[in-house]
């Protein structure tokens, strides 16, 4: 989880603007020690885990991702493109961590998951009338 968070914020430092608790952190080690950052990363991975566990229940998947999308659109005012960026970093980190065990089939499945997440989240943004 900390590798994903660090990579995301190092690759996309503009994403830190949405996090008052750690938006001024520059040092990846300081980010790694941040309890708030780790807590948020666990929530993100928990939501993704819920989606994975319920991948055959389209209503549950849609419901979970709609809640995420609406909260980030209405409460946090996060640009939806950051979901695409985050899931891209997630795919990179998984591929690196699992090396040869991350087969082309697994890569394809995670690529579909990345698209599923972005599609549902952006649909929720549109539903609440997100205007950039």
N, C-alpha and C. Protein backbone atom coordinates (compact mmCIF):
# COMPACT_ATOMS: atom_id res chain seq x y z
N UNK A 1 0.83 -1.19 0.00
CA UNK A 1 0.00 0.00 0.00
C UNK A 1 0.87 1.26 0.00
N UNK A 2 1.93 1.26 0.81
CA UNK A 2 2.76 2.46 0.87
C UNK A 2 3.51 2.68 -0.43
N UNK A 3 3.90 1.61 -1.11
CA UNK A 3 4.59 1.75 -2.40
C UNK A 3 3.65 2.43 -3.40
N UNK A 4 2.40 2.01 -3.43
CA UNK A 4 1.42 2.60 -4.34
C UNK A 4 1.23 4.08 -4.03
N UNK A 5 1.05 4.42 -2.76
CA UNK A 5 0.83 5.81 -2.37
C UNK A 5 2.04 6.67 -2.74
N UNK A 6 3.21 6.18 -2.39
CA UNK A 6 4.41 6.95 -2.69
C UNK A 6 4.55 7.17 -4.20
N UNK A 7 4.41 6.10 -4.96
CA UNK A 7 4.57 6.21 -6.41
C UNK A 7 3.55 7.17 -6.99
N UNK A 8 2.32 7.08 -6.53
CA UNK A 8 1.26 7.95 -7.05
C UNK A 8 1.61 9.42 -6.80
N UNK A 9 1.98 9.75 -5.58
CA UNK A 9 2.24 11.15 -5.25
C UNK A 9 3.57 11.66 -5.80
N UNK A 10 4.53 10.77 -6.00
CA UNK A 10 5.78 11.19 -6.64
C UNK A 10 5.52 11.43 -8.13
N UNK A 11 4.78 10.52 -8.78
CA UNK A 11 4.49 10.67 -10.21
C UNK A 11 3.52 11.81 -10.49
N UNK A 12 2.58 12.03 -9.57
CA UNK A 12 1.55 13.05 -9.77
C UNK A 12 1.44 13.94 -8.53
N UNK A 13 2.45 14.77 -8.29
CA UNK A 13 2.45 15.60 -7.08
C UNK A 13 1.25 16.53 -6.99
N UNK A 14 0.65 16.88 -8.12
CA UNK A 14 -0.54 17.74 -8.08
C UNK A 14 -1.70 17.08 -7.35
N UNK A 15 -1.69 15.76 -7.23
CA UNK A 15 -2.76 15.06 -6.52
C UNK A 15 -2.76 15.38 -5.02
N UNK A 16 -1.61 15.80 -4.50
CA UNK A 16 -1.52 16.11 -3.07
C UNK A 16 -2.39 17.30 -2.69
N UNK A 17 -2.77 18.13 -3.65
CA UNK A 17 -3.58 19.31 -3.33
C UNK A 17 -4.91 18.95 -2.67
N UNK A 18 -5.36 17.72 -2.86
CA UNK A 18 -6.65 17.30 -2.31
C UNK A 18 -6.54 16.76 -0.88
N UNK A 19 -5.34 16.73 -0.33
CA UNK A 19 -5.11 16.13 0.97
C UNK A 19 -4.45 17.14 1.91
N UNK A 20 -5.25 17.80 2.72
CA UNK A 20 -4.70 18.83 3.60
C UNK A 20 -3.66 18.28 4.57
N UNK A 21 -3.81 17.00 4.98
CA UNK A 21 -2.91 16.44 5.99
C UNK A 21 -1.49 16.22 5.45
N UNK A 22 -1.34 15.96 4.16
CA UNK A 22 -0.01 15.66 3.66
C UNK A 22 0.32 16.33 2.34
N UNK A 23 -0.39 17.39 2.00
CA UNK A 23 -0.14 18.02 0.71
C UNK A 23 1.21 18.74 0.64
N UNK A 24 1.81 19.03 1.78
CA UNK A 24 3.10 19.73 1.76
C UNK A 24 4.29 18.78 1.90
N UNK A 25 4.02 17.50 2.01
CA UNK A 25 5.11 16.53 2.15
C UNK A 25 5.80 16.33 0.80
N UNK A 26 7.11 16.40 0.81
CA UNK A 26 7.90 16.18 -0.40
C UNK A 26 8.69 14.88 -0.33
N UNK A 27 9.10 14.52 0.87
CA UNK A 27 9.95 13.36 1.08
C UNK A 27 9.12 12.08 1.08
N UNK A 28 9.42 11.13 0.17
CA UNK A 28 8.67 9.87 0.15
C UNK A 28 8.70 9.12 1.47
N UNK A 29 9.80 9.22 2.22
CA UNK A 29 9.87 8.55 3.52
C UNK A 29 8.91 9.19 4.52
N UNK A 30 8.77 10.51 4.45
CA UNK A 30 7.81 11.21 5.31
C UNK A 30 6.39 10.77 4.94
N UNK A 31 6.13 10.63 3.64
CA UNK A 31 4.81 10.15 3.20
C UNK A 31 4.54 8.75 3.72
N UNK A 32 5.57 7.90 3.66
CA UNK A 32 5.42 6.52 4.12
C UNK A 32 5.06 6.46 5.60
N UNK A 33 5.59 7.40 6.40
CA UNK A 33 5.32 7.42 7.84
C UNK A 33 3.99 8.06 8.19
N UNK A 34 3.35 8.72 7.24
CA UNK A 34 2.11 9.44 7.52
C UNK A 34 0.95 8.47 7.80
N UNK A 35 0.41 8.57 9.01
CA UNK A 35 -0.73 7.72 9.37
C UNK A 35 -1.95 8.04 8.52
N UNK A 36 -2.17 9.31 8.21
CA UNK A 36 -3.32 9.71 7.40
C UNK A 36 -3.21 9.13 5.99
N UNK A 37 -2.02 9.17 5.44
CA UNK A 37 -1.82 8.65 4.09
C UNK A 37 -2.03 7.14 4.07
N UNK A 38 -1.49 6.45 5.06
CA UNK A 38 -1.68 4.99 5.12
C UNK A 38 -3.14 4.64 5.32
N UNK A 39 -3.84 5.41 6.14
CA UNK A 39 -5.27 5.16 6.38
C UNK A 39 -6.05 5.33 5.07
N UNK A 40 -5.75 6.39 4.32
CA UNK A 40 -6.45 6.61 3.06
C UNK A 40 -6.12 5.50 2.07
N UNK A 41 -4.86 5.10 2.00
CA UNK A 41 -4.46 4.03 1.08
C UNK A 41 -5.18 2.73 1.42
N UNK A 42 -5.35 2.45 2.71
CA UNK A 42 -6.08 1.24 3.09
C UNK A 42 -7.55 1.32 2.68
N UNK A 43 -8.14 2.52 2.79
CA UNK A 43 -9.53 2.68 2.35
C UNK A 43 -9.66 2.46 0.84
N UNK A 44 -8.70 3.00 0.09
CA UNK A 44 -8.71 2.81 -1.36
C UNK A 44 -8.62 1.32 -1.69
N UNK A 45 -7.65 0.65 -1.08
CA UNK A 45 -7.47 -0.77 -1.38
C UNK A 45 -8.66 -1.60 -0.86
N UNK A 46 -9.28 -1.15 0.21
CA UNK A 46 -10.48 -1.84 0.71
C UNK A 46 -11.62 -1.75 -0.29
N UNK A 47 -11.79 -0.58 -0.89
CA UNK A 47 -12.84 -0.42 -1.90
C UNK A 47 -12.55 -1.28 -3.12
N UNK A 48 -11.29 -1.30 -3.53
CA UNK A 48 -10.92 -2.14 -4.69
C UNK A 48 -11.13 -3.60 -4.36
N UNK A 49 -10.77 -3.99 -3.15
CA UNK A 49 -10.99 -5.38 -2.72
C UNK A 49 -12.48 -5.73 -2.75
N UNK A 50 -13.33 -4.83 -2.30
CA UNK A 50 -14.77 -5.07 -2.34
C UNK A 50 -15.25 -5.26 -3.77
N UNK A 51 -14.73 -4.45 -4.68
CA UNK A 51 -15.09 -4.60 -6.10
C UNK A 51 -14.64 -5.96 -6.61
N UNK A 52 -13.41 -6.35 -6.30
CA UNK A 52 -12.89 -7.64 -6.76
C UNK A 52 -13.72 -8.79 -6.20
N UNK A 53 -14.01 -8.73 -4.90
CA UNK A 53 -14.77 -9.80 -4.27
C UNK A 53 -16.19 -9.92 -4.82
N UNK A 54 -16.72 -8.83 -5.35
CA UNK A 54 -18.09 -8.82 -5.84
C UNK A 54 -18.17 -8.62 -7.35
N UNK A 55 -17.11 -9.00 -8.06
CA UNK A 55 -17.02 -8.72 -9.49
C UNK A 55 -18.17 -9.32 -10.29
N UNK A 56 -18.79 -10.38 -9.78
CA UNK A 56 -19.93 -11.00 -10.48
C UNK A 56 -21.27 -10.42 -10.05
N UNK A 57 -21.24 -9.44 -9.17
CA UNK A 57 -22.46 -8.77 -8.71
C UNK A 57 -22.40 -7.32 -9.20
N UNK A 58 -22.90 -7.10 -10.39
CA UNK A 58 -22.76 -5.79 -11.02
C UNK A 58 -23.43 -4.68 -10.22
N UNK A 59 -24.51 -4.99 -9.51
CA UNK A 59 -25.17 -3.97 -8.70
C UNK A 59 -24.28 -3.54 -7.53
N UNK A 60 -23.63 -4.49 -6.89
CA UNK A 60 -22.73 -4.17 -5.77
C UNK A 60 -21.54 -3.36 -6.26
N UNK A 61 -20.95 -3.78 -7.37
CA UNK A 61 -19.81 -3.06 -7.94
C UNK A 61 -20.21 -1.63 -8.27
N UNK A 62 -21.34 -1.49 -8.93
CA UNK A 62 -21.83 -0.17 -9.30
C UNK A 62 -22.09 0.69 -8.07
N UNK A 63 -22.67 0.09 -7.05
CA UNK A 63 -23.00 0.81 -5.82
C UNK A 63 -21.74 1.31 -5.11
N UNK A 64 -20.76 0.44 -4.96
CA UNK A 64 -19.51 0.81 -4.28
C UNK A 64 -18.82 1.94 -5.03
N UNK A 65 -18.69 1.79 -6.34
CA UNK A 65 -17.96 2.78 -7.12
C UNK A 65 -18.75 4.09 -7.26
N UNK A 66 -20.07 4.00 -7.22
CA UNK A 66 -20.88 5.23 -7.24
C UNK A 66 -20.67 6.02 -5.96
N UNK A 67 -20.60 5.33 -4.83
CA UNK A 67 -20.34 6.01 -3.55
C UNK A 67 -18.97 6.69 -3.57
N UNK A 68 -17.98 5.98 -4.08
CA UNK A 68 -16.64 6.55 -4.17
C UNK A 68 -16.65 7.78 -5.08
N UNK A 69 -17.26 7.63 -6.25
CA UNK A 69 -17.30 8.73 -7.21
C UNK A 69 -18.03 9.95 -6.67
N UNK A 70 -19.19 9.72 -6.08
CA UNK A 70 -19.97 10.85 -5.55
C UNK A 70 -19.24 11.57 -4.42
N UNK A 71 -18.62 10.80 -3.52
CA UNK A 71 -17.88 11.43 -2.42
C UNK A 71 -16.72 12.27 -2.94
N UNK A 72 -16.03 11.74 -3.93
CA UNK A 72 -14.87 12.47 -4.46
C UNK A 72 -15.29 13.66 -5.32
N UNK A 73 -16.45 13.59 -5.93
CA UNK A 73 -16.93 14.72 -6.72
C UNK A 73 -17.50 15.81 -5.82
N UNK A 74 -18.38 15.42 -4.91
CA UNK A 74 -19.11 16.41 -4.11
C UNK A 74 -18.34 16.89 -2.88
N UNK A 75 -17.75 15.98 -2.14
CA UNK A 75 -17.10 16.34 -0.88
C UNK A 75 -15.65 16.77 -1.08
N UNK A 76 -14.91 15.99 -1.87
CA UNK A 76 -13.47 16.23 -1.99
C UNK A 76 -13.08 17.06 -3.21
N UNK A 77 -14.00 17.18 -4.18
CA UNK A 77 -13.76 17.99 -5.39
C UNK A 77 -12.51 17.54 -6.16
N UNK A 78 -12.32 16.23 -6.27
CA UNK A 78 -11.16 15.66 -6.96
C UNK A 78 -11.48 15.53 -8.44
N UNK A 79 -10.56 15.99 -9.28
CA UNK A 79 -10.73 15.83 -10.72
C UNK A 79 -10.78 14.33 -11.03
N UNK A 80 -11.74 13.89 -11.84
CA UNK A 80 -11.88 12.46 -12.10
C UNK A 80 -10.68 11.82 -12.80
N UNK A 81 -9.87 12.59 -13.48
CA UNK A 81 -8.70 12.03 -14.17
C UNK A 81 -7.74 11.38 -13.17
N UNK A 82 -7.78 11.79 -11.91
CA UNK A 82 -6.89 11.19 -10.93
C UNK A 82 -7.22 9.72 -10.67
N UNK A 83 -8.43 9.30 -10.94
CA UNK A 83 -8.76 7.88 -10.81
C UNK A 83 -8.05 7.08 -11.89
N UNK A 84 -7.98 7.63 -13.08
CA UNK A 84 -7.25 6.97 -14.16
C UNK A 84 -5.76 6.90 -13.82
N UNK A 85 -5.23 7.98 -13.30
CA UNK A 85 -3.82 8.02 -12.93
C UNK A 85 -3.52 7.03 -11.80
N UNK A 86 -4.38 6.99 -10.78
CA UNK A 86 -4.16 6.09 -9.66
C UNK A 86 -4.23 4.63 -10.09
N UNK A 87 -5.22 4.28 -10.88
CA UNK A 87 -5.33 2.88 -11.29
C UNK A 87 -4.19 2.50 -12.22
N UNK A 88 -3.67 3.45 -12.98
CA UNK A 88 -2.49 3.18 -13.81
C UNK A 88 -1.27 2.88 -12.96
N UNK A 89 -1.08 3.66 -11.91
CA UNK A 89 0.04 3.42 -10.99
C UNK A 89 -0.16 2.09 -10.28
N UNK A 90 -1.39 1.79 -9.90
CA UNK A 90 -1.69 0.52 -9.25
C UNK A 90 -1.28 -0.65 -10.14
N UNK A 91 -1.61 -0.57 -11.41
CA UNK A 91 -1.25 -1.63 -12.36
C UNK A 91 0.27 -1.76 -12.48
N UNK A 92 0.98 -0.64 -12.53
CA UNK A 92 2.45 -0.67 -12.58
C UNK A 92 3.03 -1.37 -11.36
N UNK A 93 2.55 -0.99 -10.19
CA UNK A 93 3.08 -1.53 -8.94
C UNK A 93 2.79 -3.03 -8.84
N UNK A 94 1.60 -3.44 -9.19
CA UNK A 94 1.26 -4.87 -9.14
C UNK A 94 2.16 -5.65 -10.08
N UNK A 95 2.35 -5.14 -11.29
CA UNK A 95 3.20 -5.82 -12.27
C UNK A 95 4.63 -5.95 -11.75
N UNK A 96 5.15 -4.90 -11.13
CA UNK A 96 6.51 -4.94 -10.58
C UNK A 96 6.62 -5.90 -9.40
N UNK A 97 5.63 -5.86 -8.51
CA UNK A 97 5.68 -6.68 -7.31
C UNK A 97 5.57 -8.17 -7.62
N UNK A 98 4.79 -8.52 -8.64
CA UNK A 98 4.57 -9.93 -8.95
C UNK A 98 5.43 -10.45 -10.08
N UNK A 99 6.14 -9.57 -10.77
CA UNK A 99 7.09 -9.99 -11.79
C UNK A 99 6.53 -10.99 -12.78
N UNK A 100 7.21 -12.12 -12.92
CA UNK A 100 6.80 -13.14 -13.89
C UNK A 100 5.48 -13.80 -13.54
N UNK A 101 5.07 -13.72 -12.27
CA UNK A 101 3.78 -14.30 -11.87
C UNK A 101 2.61 -13.45 -12.35
N UNK A 102 2.90 -12.24 -12.77
CA UNK A 102 1.85 -11.35 -13.30
C UNK A 102 1.74 -11.64 -14.81
N UNK A 103 0.97 -12.66 -15.11
CA UNK A 103 0.85 -13.17 -16.47
C UNK A 103 0.11 -12.19 -17.37
N UNK A 104 0.20 -12.37 -18.67
CA UNK A 104 -0.59 -11.53 -19.58
C UNK A 104 -2.09 -11.59 -19.28
N UNK A 105 -2.56 -12.75 -18.85
CA UNK A 105 -3.98 -12.88 -18.49
C UNK A 105 -4.32 -12.03 -17.27
N UNK A 106 -3.44 -12.07 -16.27
CA UNK A 106 -3.64 -11.26 -15.06
C UNK A 106 -3.58 -9.78 -15.42
N UNK A 107 -2.64 -9.42 -16.27
CA UNK A 107 -2.52 -8.03 -16.71
C UNK A 107 -3.80 -7.59 -17.41
N UNK A 108 -4.33 -8.45 -18.26
CA UNK A 108 -5.58 -8.15 -18.96
C UNK A 108 -6.75 -7.97 -18.01
N UNK A 109 -6.80 -8.83 -17.00
CA UNK A 109 -7.88 -8.73 -16.01
C UNK A 109 -7.79 -7.43 -15.23
N UNK A 110 -6.56 -7.05 -14.81
CA UNK A 110 -6.39 -5.80 -14.07
C UNK A 110 -6.63 -4.58 -14.96
N UNK A 111 -6.32 -4.69 -16.22
CA UNK A 111 -6.60 -3.59 -17.15
C UNK A 111 -8.11 -3.39 -17.26
N UNK A 112 -8.85 -4.51 -17.32
CA UNK A 112 -10.32 -4.41 -17.34
C UNK A 112 -10.84 -3.80 -16.04
N UNK A 113 -10.22 -4.18 -14.92
CA UNK A 113 -10.62 -3.63 -13.62
C UNK A 113 -10.39 -2.12 -13.60
N UNK A 114 -9.25 -1.70 -14.11
CA UNK A 114 -8.92 -0.28 -14.19
C UNK A 114 -9.99 0.48 -14.98
N UNK A 115 -10.38 -0.07 -16.11
CA UNK A 115 -11.42 0.54 -16.95
C UNK A 115 -12.77 0.55 -16.23
N UNK A 116 -13.09 -0.56 -15.58
CA UNK A 116 -14.35 -0.67 -14.84
C UNK A 116 -14.43 0.42 -13.77
N UNK A 117 -13.37 0.57 -13.00
CA UNK A 117 -13.35 1.57 -11.93
C UNK A 117 -13.55 2.96 -12.51
N UNK A 118 -12.76 3.30 -13.52
CA UNK A 118 -12.84 4.64 -14.10
C UNK A 118 -14.21 4.90 -14.72
N UNK A 119 -14.76 3.92 -15.39
CA UNK A 119 -16.07 4.08 -16.03
C UNK A 119 -17.17 4.34 -15.00
N UNK A 120 -17.19 3.55 -13.95
CA UNK A 120 -18.23 3.72 -12.92
C UNK A 120 -18.06 5.01 -12.13
N UNK A 121 -16.82 5.34 -11.81
CA UNK A 121 -16.57 6.56 -11.03
C UNK A 121 -16.96 7.79 -11.85
N UNK A 122 -16.55 7.83 -13.12
CA UNK A 122 -16.89 9.00 -13.94
C UNK A 122 -18.40 9.08 -14.20
N UNK A 123 -19.06 7.94 -14.26
CA UNK A 123 -20.53 7.96 -14.40
C UNK A 123 -21.16 8.61 -13.17
N UNK A 124 -20.61 8.33 -12.00
CA UNK A 124 -21.13 8.95 -10.77
C UNK A 124 -20.88 10.45 -10.78
N UNK A 125 -19.75 10.87 -11.29
CA UNK A 125 -19.44 12.30 -11.41
C UNK A 125 -20.49 12.96 -12.31
N UNK A 126 -20.77 12.34 -13.43
CA UNK A 126 -21.75 12.90 -14.36
C UNK A 126 -23.13 12.96 -13.71
N UNK A 127 -23.46 11.91 -12.97
CA UNK A 127 -24.78 11.86 -12.31
C UNK A 127 -25.00 13.00 -11.34
N UNK A 128 -23.93 13.43 -10.67
CA UNK A 128 -24.09 14.54 -9.71
C UNK A 128 -23.84 15.90 -10.36
N UNK A 129 -23.65 15.92 -11.68
CA UNK A 129 -23.50 17.18 -12.39
C UNK A 129 -22.14 17.81 -12.27
N UNK A 130 -21.11 16.97 -12.21
CA UNK A 130 -19.75 17.48 -12.09
C UNK A 130 -19.43 18.42 -13.24
N UNK A 131 -18.92 19.57 -12.89
CA UNK A 131 -18.47 20.55 -13.89
C UNK A 131 -17.03 20.88 -13.58
N UNK A 132 -16.15 20.72 -14.55
CA UNK A 132 -14.73 20.96 -14.32
C UNK A 132 -14.42 22.43 -14.31
